[in-house]
Amino acid sequence: MKLNPPTQIVFWLSTVVAVLGILGKFIGLPIVTGNEFWFVVVGFVLLWLGNTMKGF
């Protein structure tokens, strides 16, 4: 399997989503609180897709 670098948009989007999930654990964020785990999972899945799919 050949890995590709993700686009900057996908990289920053996945970073922001994962950080929101982490912050939601410690700070009461309206949408994130209660769904922290899924925010982190979505962030890492986006990053994984960016690395495995060319042009994503």
C-alpha atoms as a PDB file:
ATOM      1  CA  MET A   1       0.000   0.000   0.000  1.00  0.00           C
ATOM      2  CA  LYS A   2       1.382   3.367  -1.005  1.00  0.00           C
ATOM      3  CA  LEU A   3       0.653   6.235   1.355  1.00  0.00           C
ATOM      4  CA  ASN A   4       0.156   9.794   0.186  1.00  0.00           C
ATOM      5  CA  PRO A   5       0.311  13.015   2.163  1.00  0.00           C
ATOM      6  CA  PRO A   6      -3.169  14.390   2.890  1.00  0.00           C
ATOM      7  CA  THR A   7      -4.205  17.732   1.476  1.00  0.00           C
ATOM      8  CA  GLN A   8      -3.853  20.685   3.813  1.00  0.00           C
ATOM      9  CA  ILE A   9      -7.626  21.054   4.100  1.00  0.00           C
ATOM     10  CA  VAL A  10      -8.091  17.433   5.184  1.00  0.00           C
ATOM     11  CA  PHE A  11      -5.149  17.629   7.586  1.00  0.00           C
ATOM     12  CA  TRP A  12      -6.428  20.771   9.329  1.00  0.00           C
ATOM     13  CA  LEU A  13     -10.039  19.596   9.331  1.00  0.00           C
ATOM     14  CA  SER A  14      -9.094  16.298  10.964  1.00  0.00           C
ATOM     15  CA  THR A  15      -6.887  18.126  13.477  1.00  0.00           C
ATOM     16  CA  VAL A  16      -9.655  20.555  14.433  1.00  0.00           C
ATOM     17  CA  VAL A  17     -12.250  17.785  14.806  1.00  0.00           C
ATOM     18  CA  ALA A  18      -9.924  15.663  16.967  1.00  0.00           C
ATOM     19  CA  VAL A  19      -8.940  18.640  19.147  1.00  0.00           C
ATOM     20  CA  LEU A  20     -12.614  19.529  19.618  1.00  0.00           C
ATOM     21  CA  GLY A  21     -13.218  15.978  20.816  1.00  0.00           C
ATOM     22  CA  ILE A  22     -10.359  16.199  23.292  1.00  0.00           C
ATOM     23  CA  LEU A  23     -11.428  19.631  24.536  1.00  0.00           C
ATOM     24  CA  GLY A  24     -15.025  18.446  24.842  1.00  0.00           C
ATOM     25  CA  LYS A  25     -13.881  15.952  27.454  1.00  0.00           C
ATOM     26  CA  PHE A  26     -12.544  18.687  29.738  1.00  0.00           C
ATOM     27  CA  ILE A  27     -14.584  21.758  28.757  1.00  0.00           C
ATOM     28  CA  GLY A  28     -18.351  21.828  28.303  1.00  0.00           C
ATOM     29  CA  LEU A  29     -18.802  22.395  24.573  1.00  0.00           C
ATOM     30  CA  PRO A  30     -22.497  22.281  23.549  1.00  0.00           C
ATOM     31  CA  ILE A  31     -22.370  19.881  20.578  1.00  0.00           C
ATOM     32  CA  VAL A  32     -19.217  17.989  21.488  1.00  0.00           C
ATOM     33  CA  THR A  33     -19.923  17.067  25.113  1.00  0.00           C
ATOM     34  CA  GLY A  34     -21.250  13.525  25.188  1.00  0.00           C
ATOM     35  CA  ASN A  35     -19.837  12.756  21.729  1.00  0.00           C
ATOM     36  CA  GLU A  36     -16.123  13.296  22.420  1.00  0.00           C
ATOM     37  CA  PHE A  37     -15.147   9.773  21.421  1.00  0.00           C
ATOM     38  CA  TRP A  38     -16.852  10.062  18.041  1.00  0.00           C
ATOM     39  CA  PHE A  39     -15.266  13.433  17.307  1.00  0.00           C
ATOM     40  CA  VAL A  40     -11.804  11.943  17.867  1.00  0.00           C
ATOM     41  CA  VAL A  41     -12.661   8.867  15.789  1.00  0.00           C
ATOM     42  CA  VAL A  42     -13.942  11.005  12.894  1.00  0.00           C
ATOM     43  CA  GLY A  43     -10.790  13.137  13.066  1.00  0.00           C
ATOM     44  CA  PHE A  44      -8.527  10.115  12.816  1.00  0.00           C
ATOM     45  CA  VAL A  45     -10.628   8.494  10.081  1.00  0.00           C
ATOM     46  CA  LEU A  46     -10.384  11.690   8.017  1.00  0.00           C
ATOM     47  CA  LEU A  47      -6.626  11.689   8.483  1.00  0.00           C
ATOM     48  CA  TRP A  48      -6.443   7.995   7.554  1.00  0.00           C
ATOM     49  CA  LEU A  49      -8.490   8.594   4.409  1.00  0.00           C
ATOM     50  CA  GLY A  50      -6.255  11.518   3.514  1.00  0.00           C
ATOM     51  CA  ASN A  51      -3.209   9.277   3.768  1.00  0.00           C
ATOM     52  CA  THR A  52      -4.583   6.287   1.902  1.00  0.00           C
ATOM     53  CA  MET A  53      -6.605   7.912  -0.899  1.00  0.00           C
ATOM     54  CA  LYS A  54      -4.805   9.936  -3.530  1.00  0.00           C
ATOM     55  CA  GLY A  55      -6.150  13.475  -3.855  1.00  0.00           C
ATOM     56  CA  PHE A  56      -8.340  13.301  -0.745  1.00  0.00           C
END
